Structure formats: structure tokens, C-alpha cells
C-alpha atoms as a PDB file:
ATOM      1  CA  MET A   1     -19.246 -60.995 -92.582  1.00  0.00           C
ATOM      2  CA  ASN A   2     -19.083 -58.268 -95.318  1.00  0.00           C
ATOM      3  CA  PRO A   3     -18.013 -59.563 -98.618  1.00  0.00           C
ATOM      4  CA  THR A   4     -14.339 -58.850 -99.568  1.00  0.00           C
ATOM      5  CA  SER A   5     -14.574 -56.157-102.359  1.00  0.00           C
ATOM      6  CA  VAL A   6     -11.555 -57.024-104.363  1.00  0.00           C
ATOM      7  CA  PRO A   7     -10.588 -59.713-106.931  1.00  0.00           C
ATOM      8  CA  ALA A   8      -7.729 -62.407-106.441  1.00  0.00           C
ATOM      9  CA  MET A   9      -5.144 -64.221-108.451  1.00  0.00           C
ATOM     10  CA  LEU A  10      -4.606 -67.842-107.810  1.00  0.00           C
ATOM     11  CA  LEU A  11      -1.415 -69.092-108.967  1.00  0.00           C
ATOM     12  CA  ALA A  12      -1.721 -72.409-110.732  1.00  0.00           C
ATOM     13  CA  ALA A  13       0.935 -72.518-113.342  1.00  0.00           C
ATOM     14  CA  GLY A  14       3.814 -74.578-111.651  1.00  0.00           C
ATOM     15  CA  ARG A  15       4.989 -77.645-113.093  1.00  0.00           C
ATOM     16  CA  GLY A  16       4.976 -79.688-109.765  1.00  0.00           C
ATOM     17  CA  GLU A  17       8.340 -81.291-110.273  1.00  0.00           C
ATOM     18  CA  ARG A  18       8.622 -82.673-106.836  1.00  0.00           C
ATOM     19  CA  MET A  19       5.276 -84.231-106.982  1.00  0.00           C
ATOM     20  CA  ARG A  20       6.088 -86.378-109.993  1.00  0.00           C
ATOM     21  CA  PRO A  21       4.994 -88.821-111.036  1.00  0.00           C
ATOM     22  CA  LEU A  22       1.515 -87.642-109.730  1.00  0.00           C
ATOM     23  CA  THR A  23       1.771 -84.596-111.936  1.00  0.00           C
ATOM     24  CA  ASP A  24       2.914 -86.368-115.189  1.00  0.00           C
ATOM     25  CA  SER A  25      -0.523 -86.509-116.248  1.00  0.00           C
ATOM     26  CA  THR A  26      -2.476 -84.345-113.644  1.00  0.00           C
ATOM     27  CA  PRO A  27      -1.822 -80.736-113.021  1.00  0.00           C
ATOM     28  CA  LYS A  28      -0.690 -79.986-109.027  1.00  0.00           C
ATOM     29  CA  PRO A  29      -3.538 -77.709-108.478  1.00  0.00           C
ATOM     30  CA  LEU A  30      -6.156 -80.690-109.403  1.00  0.00           C
ATOM     31  CA  LEU A  31      -4.403 -83.282-107.029  1.00  0.00           C
ATOM     32  CA  GLN A  32      -7.064 -84.666-104.595  1.00  0.00           C
ATOM     33  CA  VAL A  33      -6.947 -83.401-100.991  1.00  0.00           C
ATOM     34  CA  ARG A  34      -9.767 -84.676 -98.706  1.00  0.00           C
ATOM     35  CA  GLY A  35     -11.839 -85.427-101.649  1.00  0.00           C
ATOM     36  CA  LYS A  36     -11.680 -82.227-103.780  1.00  0.00           C
ATOM     37  CA  PRO A  37      -8.884 -80.925-106.090  1.00  0.00           C
ATOM     38  CA  LEU A  38      -6.283 -78.901-104.023  1.00  0.00           C
ATOM     39  CA  MET A  39      -7.176 -75.588-105.663  1.00  0.00           C
ATOM     40  CA  GLN A  40     -10.860 -75.986-104.831  1.00  0.00           C
ATOM     41  CA  TRP A  41     -10.054 -75.289-101.219  1.00  0.00           C
ATOM     42  CA  PRO A  42      -8.573 -71.851-101.740  1.00  0.00           C
ATOM     43  CA  LEU A  43     -11.645 -71.437-104.327  1.00  0.00           C
ATOM     44  CA  GLU A  44     -14.093 -72.009-101.797  1.00  0.00           C
ATOM     45  CA  ALA A  45     -12.615 -69.997 -99.137  1.00  0.00           C
ATOM     46  CA  LEU A  46     -12.683 -67.004-101.407  1.00  0.00           C
ATOM     47  CA  ALA A  47     -16.207 -67.678-102.504  1.00  0.00           C
ATOM     48  CA  ARG A  48     -17.382 -67.876 -98.794  1.00  0.00           C
ATOM     49  CA  ALA A  49     -15.517 -64.554 -98.109  1.00  0.00           C
ATOM     50  CA  GLY A  50     -17.640 -62.939-101.077  1.00  0.00           C
ATOM     51  CA  CYS A  51     -14.877 -62.589-103.666  1.00  0.00           C
ATOM     52  CA  PRO A  52     -16.212 -61.169-106.989  1.00  0.00           C
ATOM     53  CA  ARG A  53     -13.828 -62.569-109.437  1.00  0.00           C
ATOM     54  CA  VAL A  54     -10.440 -64.964-109.381  1.00  0.00           C
ATOM     55  CA  LEU A  55      -8.058 -64.833-112.432  1.00  0.00           C
ATOM     56  CA  ILE A  56      -6.234 -68.295-112.533  1.00  0.00           C
ATOM     57  CA  ASN A  57      -2.872 -68.475-114.217  1.00  0.00           C
ATOM     58  CA  THR A  58      -2.087 -71.947-115.895  1.00  0.00           C
ATOM     59  CA  ALA A  59       0.798 -73.568-117.917  1.00  0.00           C
ATOM     60  CA  TRP A  60       1.366 -77.155-117.396  1.00  0.00           C
ATOM     61  CA  LEU A  61      -1.768 -79.002-118.386  1.00  0.00           C
ATOM     62  CA  GLY A  62      -3.646 -75.826-117.923  1.00  0.00           C
ATOM     63  CA  GLU A  63      -6.453 -76.760-120.121  1.00  0.00           C
ATOM     64  CA  GLN A  64      -7.493 -79.455-117.402  1.00  0.00           C
ATOM     65  CA  ILE A  65      -7.782 -76.617-114.971  1.00  0.00           C
ATOM     66  CA  SER A  66     -10.225 -74.451-117.006  1.00  0.00           C
ATOM     67  CA  ALA A  67     -12.181 -77.331-118.155  1.00  0.00           C
ATOM     68  CA  THR A  68     -12.562 -78.491-114.496  1.00  0.00           C
ATOM     69  CA  PHE A  69     -13.945 -75.179-113.046  1.00  0.00           C
ATOM     70  CA  GLY A  70     -15.121 -73.396-116.154  1.00  0.00           C
ATOM     71  CA  ASP A  71     -16.147 -69.630-115.836  1.00  0.00           C
ATOM     72  CA  ASN A  72     -18.089 -69.678-112.487  1.00  0.00           C
ATOM     73  CA  PHE A  73     -17.447 -71.112-109.356  1.00  0.00           C
ATOM     74  CA  ASP A  74     -20.483 -71.967-106.892  1.00  0.00           C
ATOM     75  CA  PRO A  75     -19.413 -72.469-103.307  1.00  0.00           C
ATOM     76  CA  HIS A  76     -23.067 -73.943-102.608  1.00  0.00           C
ATOM     77  CA  PRO A  77     -23.113 -77.190-104.391  1.00  0.00           C
ATOM     78  CA  ALA A  78     -26.765 -77.949-103.628  1.00  0.00           C
ATOM     79  CA  TYR A  79     -27.547 -75.143-105.901  1.00  0.00           C
ATOM     80  CA  ASN A  80     -26.299 -77.169-108.859  1.00  0.00           C
ATOM     81  CA  LYS A  81     -29.178 -79.556-108.346  1.00  0.00           C
ATOM     82  CA  ARG A  82     -31.828 -76.738-108.606  1.00  0.00           C
ATOM     83  CA  GLU A  83     -33.109 -74.863-111.459  1.00  0.00           C
ATOM     84  CA  PRO A  84     -30.780 -72.271-113.215  1.00  0.00           C
ATOM     85  CA  LEU A  85     -29.995 -69.441-110.705  1.00  0.00           C
ATOM     86  CA  SER A  86     -31.768 -65.981-111.202  1.00  0.00           C
ATOM     87  CA  PHE A  87     -29.579 -63.044-111.820  1.00  0.00           C
ATOM     88  CA  SER A  88     -29.804 -62.068-108.409  1.00  0.00           C
ATOM     89  CA  GLU A  89     -28.845 -65.469-107.089  1.00  0.00           C
ATOM     90  CA  GLN A  90     -26.032 -65.573-109.305  1.00  0.00           C
ATOM     91  CA  LEU A  91     -24.624 -62.264-107.901  1.00  0.00           C
ATOM     92  CA  GLN A  92     -24.940 -63.785-104.351  1.00  0.00           C
ATOM     93  CA  HIS A  93     -23.813 -67.343-104.794  1.00  0.00           C
ATOM     94  CA  THR A  94     -21.158 -67.268-107.636  1.00  0.00           C
ATOM     95  CA  MET A  95     -17.751 -66.159-108.341  1.00  0.00           C
ATOM     96  CA  VAL A  96     -16.423 -65.232-111.751  1.00  0.00           C
ATOM     97  CA  LEU A  97     -13.197 -67.160-113.038  1.00  0.00           C
ATOM     98  CA  GLN A  98     -10.835 -65.855-115.558  1.00  0.00           C
ATOM     99  CA  TYR A  99      -7.817 -67.464-116.847  1.00  0.00           C
ATOM    100  CA  SER A 100      -4.350 -66.416-117.898  1.00  0.00           C
ATOM    101  CA  HIS A 101      -2.928 -69.367-120.046  1.00  0.00           C
ATOM    102  CA  GLU A 102       0.803 -68.746-119.797  1.00  0.00           C
ATOM    103  CA  GLY A 103       1.712 -71.978-121.477  1.00  0.00           C
ATOM    104  CA  ILE A 104      -0.543 -71.354-124.354  1.00  0.00           C
ATOM    105  CA  ASP A 105       0.830 -67.772-124.815  1.00  0.00           C
ATOM    106  CA  PHE A 106       4.454 -68.287-123.943  1.00  0.00           C
ATOM    107  CA  GLY A 107       5.280 -71.987-123.829  1.00  0.00           C
ATOM    108  CA  GLY A 108       5.437 -72.208-119.956  1.00  0.00           C
ATOM    109  CA  ALA A 109       4.897 -70.484-116.729  1.00  0.00           C
ATOM    110  CA  LEU A 110       6.074 -67.115-116.047  1.00  0.00           C
ATOM    111  CA  GLU A 111       6.890 -67.620-112.359  1.00  0.00           C
ATOM    112  CA  THR A 112       5.138 -65.622-109.585  1.00  0.00           C
ATOM    113  CA  ALA A 113       5.779 -61.999-110.467  1.00  0.00           C
ATOM    114  CA  GLY A 114       6.112 -62.679-114.284  1.00  0.00           C
ATOM    115  CA  GLY A 115       2.669 -64.128-114.098  1.00  0.00           C
ATOM    116  CA  ILE A 116       1.216 -61.353-111.893  1.00  0.00           C
ATOM    117  CA  VAL A 117       2.528 -58.707-114.096  1.00  0.00           C
ATOM    118  CA  ARG A 118       0.959 -60.599-117.287  1.00  0.00           C
ATOM    119  CA  ALA A 119      -2.461 -60.670-115.386  1.00  0.00           C
ATOM    120  CA  LEU A 120      -2.759 -57.250-114.047  1.00  0.00           C
ATOM    121  CA  PRO A 121      -4.446 -55.516-117.046  1.00  0.00           C
ATOM    122  CA  ARG A 122      -7.313 -57.737-116.574  1.00  0.00           C
ATOM    123  CA  LEU A 123      -7.026 -58.350-112.684  1.00  0.00           C
ATOM    124  CA  CYS A 124      -7.093 -54.651-112.034  1.00  0.00           C
ATOM    125  CA  SER A 125      -9.193 -53.235-114.707  1.00  0.00           C
ATOM    126  CA  ASN A 126     -12.090 -51.930-112.520  1.00  0.00           C
ATOM    127  CA  VAL A 127     -12.114 -48.080-111.643  1.00  0.00           C
ATOM    128  CA  GLY A 128     -12.651 -47.205-107.990  1.00  0.00           C
ATOM    129  CA  ARG A 129     -11.293 -46.965-104.544  1.00  0.00           C
ATOM    130  CA  SER A 130     -10.014 -50.245-104.375  1.00  0.00           C
ATOM    131  CA  HIS A 131      -9.396 -50.965-108.313  1.00  0.00           C
ATOM    132  CA  ASP A 132      -5.602 -51.556-107.898  1.00  0.00           C
ATOM    133  CA  VAL A 133      -5.802 -53.973-104.939  1.00  0.00           C
ATOM    134  CA  PHE A 134      -6.147 -57.654-105.184  1.00  0.00           C
ATOM    135  CA  TRP A 135      -5.475 -60.853-103.115  1.00  0.00           C
ATOM    136  CA  ALA A 136      -2.904 -63.226-104.512  1.00  0.00           C
ATOM    137  CA  LEU A 137      -1.997 -67.031-103.216  1.00  0.00           C
ATOM    138  CA  ALA A 138      -0.777 -70.100-104.560  1.00  0.00           C
ATOM    139  CA  GLY A 139      -3.369 -72.743-105.672  1.00  0.00           C
ATOM    140  CA  ASP A 140      -1.135 -75.514-104.085  1.00  0.00           C
ATOM    141  CA  VAL A 141      -1.469 -74.422-100.472  1.00  0.00           C
ATOM    142  CA  TYR A 142      -4.072 -75.694 -98.085  1.00  0.00           C
ATOM    143  CA  ALA A 143      -5.335 -73.115 -95.891  1.00  0.00           C
ATOM    144  CA  PRO A 144      -9.031 -74.029 -95.557  1.00  0.00           C
ATOM    145  CA  ASP A 145      -9.871 -71.674 -92.834  1.00  0.00           C
ATOM    146  CA  PHE A 146      -8.014 -68.580 -94.033  1.00  0.00           C
ATOM    147  CA  PRO A 147     -10.785 -65.753 -93.717  1.00  0.00           C
ATOM    148  CA  PHE A 148     -10.101 -63.253 -96.739  1.00  0.00           C
ATOM    149  CA  ALA A 149     -11.678 -60.616 -94.700  1.00  0.00           C
ATOM    150  CA  GLN A 150     -13.030 -57.186 -95.863  1.00  0.00           C
ATOM    151  CA  ALA A 151     -11.273 -55.728 -92.588  1.00  0.00           C
ATOM    152  CA  ASP A 152      -7.878 -56.868 -93.894  1.00  0.00           C
ATOM    153  CA  VAL A 153      -8.619 -55.078 -97.180  1.00  0.00           C
ATOM    154  CA  ASP A 154      -9.715 -51.939 -95.438  1.00  0.00           C
ATOM    155  CA  ARG A 155      -6.667 -51.796 -93.298  1.00  0.00           C
ATOM    156  CA  PHE A 156      -4.683 -52.326 -96.411  1.00  0.00           C
ATOM    157  CA  LEU A 157      -6.265 -49.661 -98.236  1.00  0.00           C
ATOM    158  CA  ALA A 158      -5.850 -47.083 -95.428  1.00  0.00           C
ATOM    159  CA  SER A 159      -2.133 -47.903 -95.238  1.00  0.00           C
ATOM    160  CA  THR A 160       0.696 -47.039 -97.585  1.00  0.00           C
ATOM    161  CA  ALA A 161       1.888 -50.350 -97.853  1.00  0.00           C
ATOM    162  CA  LEU A 162       2.427 -51.743-101.425  1.00  0.00           C
ATOM    163  CA  ALA A 163       1.941 -55.439 -99.884  1.00  0.00           C
ATOM    164  CA  HIS A 164       0.437 -57.058 -96.814  1.00  0.00           C
ATOM    165  CA  ILE A 165       1.572 -60.889 -96.565  1.00  0.00           C
ATOM    166  CA  TRP A 166       0.661 -63.583 -94.196  1.00  0.00           C
ATOM    167  CA  LEU A 167       3.659 -65.294 -92.593  1.00  0.00           C
ATOM    168  CA  VAL A 168       3.255 -68.869 -90.734  1.00  0.00           C
ATOM    169  CA  PRO A 169       5.533 -70.722 -88.235  1.00  0.00           C
ATOM    170  CA  ASN A 170       8.228 -72.504 -89.992  1.00  0.00           C
ATOM    171  CA  PRO A 171       7.293 -76.096 -91.391  1.00  0.00           C
ATOM    172  CA  GLU A 172       9.933 -79.023 -91.301  1.00  0.00           C
ATOM    173  CA  HIS A 173      10.780 -78.339 -94.773  1.00  0.00           C
ATOM    174  CA  ASN A 174      11.528 -74.832 -94.217  1.00  0.00           C
ATOM    175  CA  PRO A 175      13.152 -74.473 -90.749  1.00  0.00           C
ATOM    176  CA  GLY A 176      15.111 -71.198 -91.700  1.00  0.00           C
ATOM    177  CA  GLY A 177      11.939 -69.204 -92.890  1.00  0.00           C
ATOM    178  CA  ASP A 178      11.668 -66.521 -95.358  1.00  0.00           C
ATOM    179  CA  PHE A 179      11.279 -63.086 -93.652  1.00  0.00           C
ATOM    180  CA  GLY A 180      11.230 -61.326 -90.564  1.00  0.00           C
ATOM    181  CA  LEU A 181       8.305 -59.564 -88.506  1.00  0.00           C
ATOM    182  CA  GLU A 182       8.664 -56.337 -86.523  1.00  0.00           C
ATOM    183  CA  ALA A 183       6.140 -56.841 -83.970  1.00  0.00           C
ATOM    184  CA  GLN A 184       5.676 -52.989 -82.810  1.00  0.00           C
ATOM    185  CA  THR A 185       5.227 -51.792 -86.473  1.00  0.00           C
ATOM    186  CA  GLY A 186       3.857 -54.743 -88.259  1.00  0.00           C
ATOM    187  CA  LEU A 187       6.468 -54.280 -91.024  1.00  0.00           C
ATOM    188  CA  ALA A 188       7.852 -57.328 -92.878  1.00  0.00           C
ATOM    189  CA  LEU A 189      11.693 -57.495 -92.776  1.00  0.00           C
ATOM    190  CA  ASN A 190      14.365 -58.582 -95.451  1.00  0.00           C
ATOM    191  CA  LEU A 191      16.781 -59.815 -92.825  1.00  0.00           C
ATOM    192  CA  HIS A 192      20.422 -60.435 -93.564  1.00  0.00           C
ATOM    193  CA  ALA A 193      21.774 -63.942 -93.543  1.00  0.00           C
ATOM    194  CA  THR A 194      23.812 -63.030 -90.334  1.00  0.00           C
ATOM    195  CA  SER A 195      20.764 -61.620 -88.481  1.00  0.00           C
ATOM    196  CA  ALA A 196      19.610 -63.661 -85.357  1.00  0.00           C
ATOM    197  CA  ALA A 197      16.113 -62.350 -85.652  1.00  0.00           C
ATOM    198  CA  PRO A 198      13.295 -65.150 -86.143  1.00  0.00           C
ATOM    199  CA  ARG A 199      12.190 -65.764 -89.601  1.00  0.00           C
ATOM    200  CA  TYR A 200       8.702 -66.988 -90.696  1.00  0.00           C
ATOM    201  CA  THR A 201       7.816 -68.738 -93.797  1.00  0.00           C
ATOM    202  CA  PHE A 202       5.714 -67.049 -96.407  1.00  0.00           C
ATOM    203  CA  SER A 203       2.263 -68.531 -96.689  1.00  0.00           C
ATOM    204  CA  THR A 204       1.875 -67.349-100.397  1.00  0.00           C
ATOM    205  CA  ILE A 205      -1.101 -65.449 -99.222  1.00  0.00           C
ATOM    206  CA  GLY A 206      -1.048 -61.768 -99.715  1.00  0.00           C
ATOM    207  CA  LEU A 207      -2.804 -58.562-100.614  1.00  0.00           C
ATOM    208  CA  TYR A 208      -1.129 -56.273-103.210  1.00  0.00           C
ATOM    209  CA  ARG A 209      -1.348 -53.012-104.974  1.00  0.00           C
ATOM    210  CA  SER A 210      -0.527 -52.829-108.481  1.00  0.00           C
ATOM    211  CA  GLY A 211       2.278 -50.218-107.857  1.00  0.00           C
ATOM    212  CA  LEU A 212       4.462 -53.118-106.383  1.00  0.00           C
ATOM    213  CA  PHE A 213       4.964 -54.508-109.820  1.00  0.00           C
ATOM    214  CA  ALA A 214       6.480 -51.201-111.401  1.00  0.00           C
ATOM    215  CA  PRO A 215       9.681 -49.567-111.028  1.00  0.00           C
ATOM    216  CA  PRO A 216      11.606 -49.255-108.695  1.00  0.00           C
ATOM    217  CA  TYR A 217      10.587 -52.621-107.368  1.00  0.00           C
ATOM    218  CA  CYS A 218       9.663 -54.649-110.500  1.00  0.00           C
ATOM    219  CA  HIS A 219      10.954 -53.764-114.113  1.00  0.00           C
ATOM    220  CA  ILE A 220       8.912 -55.945-116.240  1.00  0.00           C
ATOM    221  CA  PRO A 221       6.917 -53.935-118.755  1.00  0.00           C
ATOM    222  CA  PRO A 222       3.191 -53.552-118.352  1.00  0.00           C
ATOM    223  CA  GLY A 223       1.311 -56.673-119.154  1.00  0.00           C
ATOM    224  CA  ASN A 224       4.491 -58.596-119.563  1.00  0.00           C
ATOM    225  CA  PRO A 225       4.184 -58.831-123.479  1.00  0.00           C
ATOM    226  CA  HIS A 226       7.568 -60.890-123.867  1.00  0.00           C
ATOM    227  CA  GLY A 227       6.880 -63.200-121.219  1.00  0.00           C
ATOM    228  CA  VAL A 228       9.479 -62.542-118.846  1.00  0.00           C
ATOM    229  CA  LYS A 229      10.111 -65.014-116.110  1.00  0.00           C
ATOM    230  CA  ALA A 230      10.553 -63.418-112.789  1.00  0.00           C
ATOM    231  CA  ALA A 231      10.091 -64.562-108.792  1.00  0.00           C
ATOM    232  CA  LEU A 232       8.319 -62.544-106.387  1.00  0.00           C
ATOM    233  CA  ALA A 233      10.681 -62.825-103.662  1.00  0.00           C
ATOM    234  CA  PRO A 234      13.153 -60.145-105.108  1.00  0.00           C
ATOM    235  CA  VAL A 235      10.068 -57.663-105.671  1.00  0.00           C
ATOM    236  CA  LEU A 236       8.889 -58.176-101.948  1.00  0.00           C
ATOM    237  CA  ARG A 237      12.621 -57.802-100.613  1.00  0.00           C
ATOM    238  CA  ALA A 238      13.004 -54.485-102.440  1.00  0.00           C
ATOM    239  CA  ALA A 239       9.769 -53.176-101.184  1.00  0.00           C
ATOM    240  CA  MET A 240      10.666 -54.478 -97.906  1.00  0.00           C
ATOM    241  CA  ASP A 241      13.939 -52.632 -97.775  1.00  0.00           C
ATOM    242  CA  ALA A 242      11.752 -49.289 -98.378  1.00  0.00           C
ATOM    243  CA  GLY A 243       9.413 -50.307 -95.580  1.00  0.00           C
ATOM    244  CA  ARG A 244       6.470 -50.609 -97.878  1.00  0.00           C
ATOM    245  CA  VAL A 245       5.484 -54.349 -96.820  1.00  0.00           C
ATOM    246  CA  THR A 246       3.610 -55.194 -93.685  1.00  0.00           C
ATOM    247  CA  ALA A 247       2.774 -58.768 -92.433  1.00  0.00           C
ATOM    248  CA  THR A 248       0.690 -60.979 -90.150  1.00  0.00           C
ATOM    249  CA  LEU A 249       1.680 -64.165 -88.420  1.00  0.00           C
ATOM    250  CA  TYR A 250      -1.250 -66.739 -89.200  1.00  0.00           C
ATOM    251  CA  GLU A 251      -1.244 -69.726 -87.076  1.00  0.00           C
ATOM    252  CA  GLY A 252      -4.360 -71.511 -88.545  1.00  0.00           C
ATOM    253  CA  ARG A 253      -4.285 -74.896 -90.684  1.00  0.00           C
ATOM    254  CA  TRP A 254      -1.719 -74.307 -93.506  1.00  0.00           C
ATOM    255  CA  THR A 255       0.186 -76.977 -95.636  1.00  0.00           C
ATOM    256  CA  ASP A 256       2.492 -76.442 -98.623  1.00  0.00           C
ATOM    257  CA  VAL A 257       1.373 -79.466-100.600  1.00  0.00           C
ATOM    258  CA  GLY A 258       4.893 -79.848-102.056  1.00  0.00           C
ATOM    259  CA  THR A 259       5.503 -83.585-102.121  1.00  0.00           C
ATOM    260  CA  PRO A 260       3.756 -86.830-102.375  1.00  0.00           C
ATOM    261  CA  GLU A 261       4.556 -87.397 -98.810  1.00  0.00           C
ATOM    262  CA  ARG A 262       2.974 -84.174 -97.468  1.00  0.00           C
ATOM    263  CA  LEU A 263      -0.080 -84.899 -99.726  1.00  0.00           C
ATOM    264  CA  ALA A 264      -0.287 -88.383 -98.365  1.00  0.00           C
ATOM    265  CA  GLN A 265       0.038 -87.055 -94.648  1.00  0.00           C
ATOM    266  CA  LEU A 266      -2.754 -84.425 -95.391  1.00  0.00           C
ATOM    267  CA  ASN A 267      -5.201 -87.122 -96.708  1.00  0.00           C
ATOM    268  CA  ALA A 268      -4.488 -89.465 -94.003  1.00  0.00           C
ATOM    269  CA  ALA A 269      -4.968 -86.764 -91.179  1.00  0.00           C
ATOM    270  CA  ASP A 270      -8.248 -86.763 -89.070  1.00  0.00           C
END
């Protein structure tokens, strides 16, 4: 597998209100799922895919997240028991981690679009063909088999889409879904409430161009210097209406770990 050539943003700033009291002293992305912190699962998947760099936004108890994972992530734990890696080994086996500490900078989380705009100057700072493209996903979603494939990046770069998102079959807690999918064109659809077309749930996983987070779709100033809070869904819906968002239906393992009950079910599963 060719390594994915673009960075990723892992969203880990939420308070996790529905997970209380578990999140009163532990940030939701650090809750244990099958013996690992929840957000370690997507970090491992990104590292296996060869992602060079991940920017993590934090707010609630965010210092615990940066203290747990530090500045580098090694998907091969066996290497931690050896002598320090050579420079070439580091390039092959480690993934650089950076942090956008929204809690420190603004006293709380900026929501998804607000957090992405805040991080963009650091996330898309490299010059090159793919310099304005990045992965983004939530740190509280369990999708251990998602490939983060370079082939998907290449298709996205060759398209005119501003976003490509992955949808999943609707779970019990979201039976009405979020967005539609036009099978022939692959376009994601902002369906009206009266539409009878099927809706699917947004997995939180997507590829994005930085242009999505600028007018006419998003009106937050570059870098979000004032800490504007803004959700991602309205930005995506505006771009869908312009035919600039594509989608794929993903049917692999996927769980939104949103409640203590779902966490317990996931940990109890074979």
C-alpha cells in the first residue's frame, strides 16, 4: 500500500456530556476501548496508512491528551523496546503529532468547523500538489479497519470536489440519517425534510480541501483568531447544494462511541 501523502486532523475537543460521569475526569478520546484509548484506534489506522502528520484539537482536559501521546506516534510498539530509532527508521515508522489547544486559547471547544479553520494554517502549511488537502475525523469514533487509502486521495485530487465524505448505514441512535447519496454520480445530497430518498449517517471521516472553509461556504476569518464556534454540517450542506461534495458508503466496522452503554457494548463484543 502506498502511504497516504496528506496530513490528518483528529477532532478531540468535545466535552462528552453524554458520557458523564466517565468524562468528568477523563477526556472522552482517552476512554478505554478494548484495552486502548479510544483515539488510539484512528491514530493506529492513520499510521498504518503512512500518514505523515496528525493535528489534534483539544479543549476539555486536553492536557491529558497531549501528555498521553506526546509529539510522535509509533504504530509498532515493539520498537519502543529497542534502542532509539535511526532517522530513516523514524521516517518509516513514526507519525508526527501536533496540537491545537482550543481550551487554552479560547476557554473551550470551537466545534468542528471552527476548530478546523483554527488549525488550517498549520495543517495545510506545506507547498505542493496536495498541500491544501487533508483527512479529518472524530477521535471518538471506532472504525479500526478504515484504510485511509492513497487511491482515495488521488481520486479526490483529480476531482473538483471540495469534500469527499464517508457515510455509513444508519445506527439505532440515528435512524433518520444525515445526508443522501446519488449512486450514479457519487454526489452527497442535502435532502429536504420531505424527500423520500434514503439518508445515511455521516461517519465523521472525510477528505477536504481548504477551499471549503472559505466564502461562500464558510465565513470564519482565516485561522479563526476570535475563536468563532461553528458546526461542520451547515458548511457541508452549502457545498452539497453547489454539487461540490462527493461520498462513499462505508460498510466496515464503525461505532459512534457516544454513550456509556455503547462503550460497554463495544468492550463486551467478541
